[in-house]
């Protein structure tokens, strides 16, 4: 009599939880941040957080990724920090806004 291995129910469960925890569609938060910055110019980080309504940790992750891409710059010497678009960021934001207007 052969012993067939039982299916790994916990492994299957863990995979399904991990899949559901990861968003399958890309986040629109970086675009929201960029369009907000294009409207307001230089923005205090706390004001940006309130306007785009993104949790603080997620906002910082998005800002860091935009900063790494050269689209935003942040001045942390000011209390609370301020953030603004770079020249490349302004061009990208204009492209995003134009694309959104065409879709509307």
C-alpha atoms as a PDB file:
ATOM      1  CA  UNK A   1       0.000   0.000   0.000  1.00  0.00           C
ATOM      2  CA  UNK A   2       1.424   3.356  -1.049  1.00  0.00           C
ATOM      3  CA  UNK A   3       1.229   6.408   1.129  1.00  0.00           C
ATOM      4  CA  UNK A   4       0.164   9.315  -1.042  1.00  0.00           C
ATOM      5  CA  UNK A   5       1.289  12.665   0.308  1.00  0.00           C
ATOM      6  CA  UNK A   6      -1.619  14.758   1.514  1.00  0.00           C
ATOM      7  CA  UNK A   7      -2.109  18.059  -0.171  1.00  0.00           C
ATOM      8  CA  UNK A   8      -0.460  20.871   1.697  1.00  0.00           C
ATOM      9  CA  UNK A   9      -3.590  22.734   2.779  1.00  0.00           C
ATOM     10  CA  UNK A  10      -1.668  25.277   4.830  1.00  0.00           C
ATOM     11  CA  UNK A  11       0.662  26.024   1.911  1.00  0.00           C
ATOM     12  CA  UNK A  12      -2.300  26.561  -0.384  1.00  0.00           C
ATOM     13  CA  UNK A  13      -3.960  28.778   2.214  1.00  0.00           C
ATOM     14  CA  UNK A  14      -0.776  30.813   2.687  1.00  0.00           C
ATOM     15  CA  UNK A  15      -0.391  31.347  -1.062  1.00  0.00           C
ATOM     16  CA  UNK A  16      -3.970  32.562  -1.377  1.00  0.00           C
ATOM     17  CA  UNK A  17      -3.518  34.987   1.527  1.00  0.00           C
ATOM     18  CA  UNK A  18      -0.310  36.347   0.016  1.00  0.00           C
ATOM     19  CA  UNK A  19      -1.983  36.799  -3.372  1.00  0.00           C
ATOM     20  CA  UNK A  20      -4.896  38.663  -1.820  1.00  0.00           C
ATOM     21  CA  UNK A  21      -2.564  40.872   0.236  1.00  0.00           C
ATOM     22  CA  UNK A  22      -0.672  42.024  -2.852  1.00  0.00           C
ATOM     23  CA  UNK A  23      -2.536  44.408  -5.110  1.00  0.00           C
ATOM     24  CA  UNK A  24      -2.769  43.007  -8.604  1.00  0.00           C
ATOM     25  CA  UNK A  25      -3.167  46.402 -10.198  1.00  0.00           C
ATOM     26  CA  UNK A  26      -0.537  49.092  -9.915  1.00  0.00           C
ATOM     27  CA  UNK A  27      -1.193  51.742  -7.312  1.00  0.00           C
ATOM     28  CA  UNK A  28      -2.564  55.049  -8.538  1.00  0.00           C
ATOM     29  CA  UNK A  29      -1.093  56.824  -5.525  1.00  0.00           C
ATOM     30  CA  UNK A  30       2.066  58.082  -7.285  1.00  0.00           C
ATOM     31  CA  UNK A  31      -0.123  59.667  -9.979  1.00  0.00           C
ATOM     32  CA  UNK A  32      -2.358  61.229  -7.316  1.00  0.00           C
ATOM     33  CA  UNK A  33       0.701  62.658  -5.575  1.00  0.00           C
ATOM     34  CA  UNK A  34       2.081  64.085  -8.809  1.00  0.00           C
ATOM     35  CA  UNK A  35      -1.191  65.667  -9.918  1.00  0.00           C
ATOM     36  CA  UNK A  36      -1.627  67.201  -6.456  1.00  0.00           C
ATOM     37  CA  UNK A  37       1.888  68.631  -6.590  1.00  0.00           C
ATOM     38  CA  UNK A  38       1.258  69.997 -10.073  1.00  0.00           C
ATOM     39  CA  UNK A  39      -1.765  71.898  -8.728  1.00  0.00           C
ATOM     40  CA  UNK A  40      -0.219  73.226  -5.509  1.00  0.00           C
ATOM     41  CA  UNK A  41       3.473  73.573  -6.410  1.00  0.00           C
ATOM     42  CA  UNK A  42       5.604  73.207  -3.284  1.00  0.00           C
ATOM     43  CA  UNK A  43       3.589  71.406  -0.603  1.00  0.00           C
ATOM     44  CA  UNK A  44       4.175  70.690   3.055  1.00  0.00           C
ATOM     45  CA  UNK A  45       4.344  66.921   3.533  1.00  0.00           C
ATOM     46  CA  UNK A  46       1.556  66.962   6.154  1.00  0.00           C
ATOM     47  CA  UNK A  47      -0.728  68.933   3.833  1.00  0.00           C
ATOM     48  CA  UNK A  48       0.039  66.508   1.003  1.00  0.00           C
ATOM     49  CA  UNK A  49      -0.877  63.604   3.273  1.00  0.00           C
ATOM     50  CA  UNK A  50      -4.218  65.214   4.074  1.00  0.00           C
ATOM     51  CA  UNK A  51      -5.018  66.123   0.470  1.00  0.00           C
ATOM     52  CA  UNK A  52      -4.226  62.769  -1.155  1.00  0.00           C
ATOM     53  CA  UNK A  53      -5.624  60.778   1.802  1.00  0.00           C
ATOM     54  CA  UNK A  54      -2.964  58.063   1.792  1.00  0.00           C
ATOM     55  CA  UNK A  55      -1.670  56.371   4.978  1.00  0.00           C
ATOM     56  CA  UNK A  56       1.648  57.911   6.122  1.00  0.00           C
ATOM     57  CA  UNK A  57       3.833  54.851   5.496  1.00  0.00           C
ATOM     58  CA  UNK A  58       2.387  54.346   2.028  1.00  0.00           C
ATOM     59  CA  UNK A  59       2.790  58.046   1.228  1.00  0.00           C
ATOM     60  CA  UNK A  60       6.456  57.966   2.232  1.00  0.00           C
ATOM     61  CA  UNK A  61       7.067  54.840   0.138  1.00  0.00           C
ATOM     62  CA  UNK A  62       5.482  56.525  -2.873  1.00  0.00           C
ATOM     63  CA  UNK A  63       7.410  59.755  -2.330  1.00  0.00           C
ATOM     64  CA  UNK A  64      10.682  57.825  -2.043  1.00  0.00           C
ATOM     65  CA  UNK A  65       9.983  55.934  -5.267  1.00  0.00           C
ATOM     66  CA  UNK A  66       9.103  59.187  -7.065  1.00  0.00           C
ATOM     67  CA  UNK A  67      12.232  60.770  -5.639  1.00  0.00           C
ATOM     68  CA  UNK A  68      14.367  57.831  -6.807  1.00  0.00           C
ATOM     69  CA  UNK A  69      12.858  58.234 -10.279  1.00  0.00           C
ATOM     70  CA  UNK A  70      13.867  61.912 -10.263  1.00  0.00           C
ATOM     71  CA  UNK A  71      10.275  63.167 -10.427  1.00  0.00           C
ATOM     72  CA  UNK A  72      10.074  64.907  -7.041  1.00  0.00           C
ATOM     73  CA  UNK A  73      12.466  66.527  -4.622  1.00  0.00           C
ATOM     74  CA  UNK A  74      12.010  66.892  -0.907  1.00  0.00           C
ATOM     75  CA  UNK A  75      13.516  69.495   1.389  1.00  0.00           C
ATOM     76  CA  UNK A  76      13.663  68.019   4.866  1.00  0.00           C
ATOM     77  CA  UNK A  77      15.438  71.034   6.372  1.00  0.00           C
ATOM     78  CA  UNK A  78      12.057  72.731   6.721  1.00  0.00           C
ATOM     79  CA  UNK A  79       9.961  71.572   9.697  1.00  0.00           C
ATOM     80  CA  UNK A  80       7.740  68.735   8.495  1.00  0.00           C
ATOM     81  CA  UNK A  81       9.436  68.715   5.102  1.00  0.00           C
ATOM     82  CA  UNK A  82       8.249  70.134   1.808  1.00  0.00           C
ATOM     83  CA  UNK A  83       7.996  68.374  -1.506  1.00  0.00           C
ATOM     84  CA  UNK A  84       7.813  69.602  -5.088  1.00  0.00           C
ATOM     85  CA  UNK A  85       8.031  68.279  -8.618  1.00  0.00           C
ATOM     86  CA  UNK A  86      11.295  68.379 -10.531  1.00  0.00           C
ATOM     87  CA  UNK A  87      11.342  69.561 -14.153  1.00  0.00           C
ATOM     88  CA  UNK A  88      10.916  65.940 -15.251  1.00  0.00           C
ATOM     89  CA  UNK A  89       8.098  65.546 -12.726  1.00  0.00           C
ATOM     90  CA  UNK A  90       6.268  68.576 -14.117  1.00  0.00           C
ATOM     91  CA  UNK A  91       6.472  67.106 -17.618  1.00  0.00           C
ATOM     92  CA  UNK A  92       5.233  63.725 -16.376  1.00  0.00           C
ATOM     93  CA  UNK A  93       2.372  65.327 -14.398  1.00  0.00           C
ATOM     94  CA  UNK A  94       1.273  67.263 -17.472  1.00  0.00           C
ATOM     95  CA  UNK A  95       1.233  64.022 -19.440  1.00  0.00           C
ATOM     96  CA  UNK A  96      -0.850  62.331 -16.718  1.00  0.00           C
ATOM     97  CA  UNK A  97      -3.339  65.203 -16.541  1.00  0.00           C
ATOM     98  CA  UNK A  98      -3.665  65.355 -20.330  1.00  0.00           C
ATOM     99  CA  UNK A  99      -4.244  61.596 -20.430  1.00  0.00           C
ATOM    100  CA  UNK A 100      -6.928  61.812 -17.721  1.00  0.00           C
ATOM    101  CA  UNK A 101      -8.675  64.654 -19.568  1.00  0.00           C
ATOM    102  CA  UNK A 102      -8.711  62.643 -22.805  1.00  0.00           C
ATOM    103  CA  UNK A 103     -10.269  59.666 -21.005  1.00  0.00           C
ATOM    104  CA  UNK A 104     -13.020  61.804 -19.458  1.00  0.00           C
END
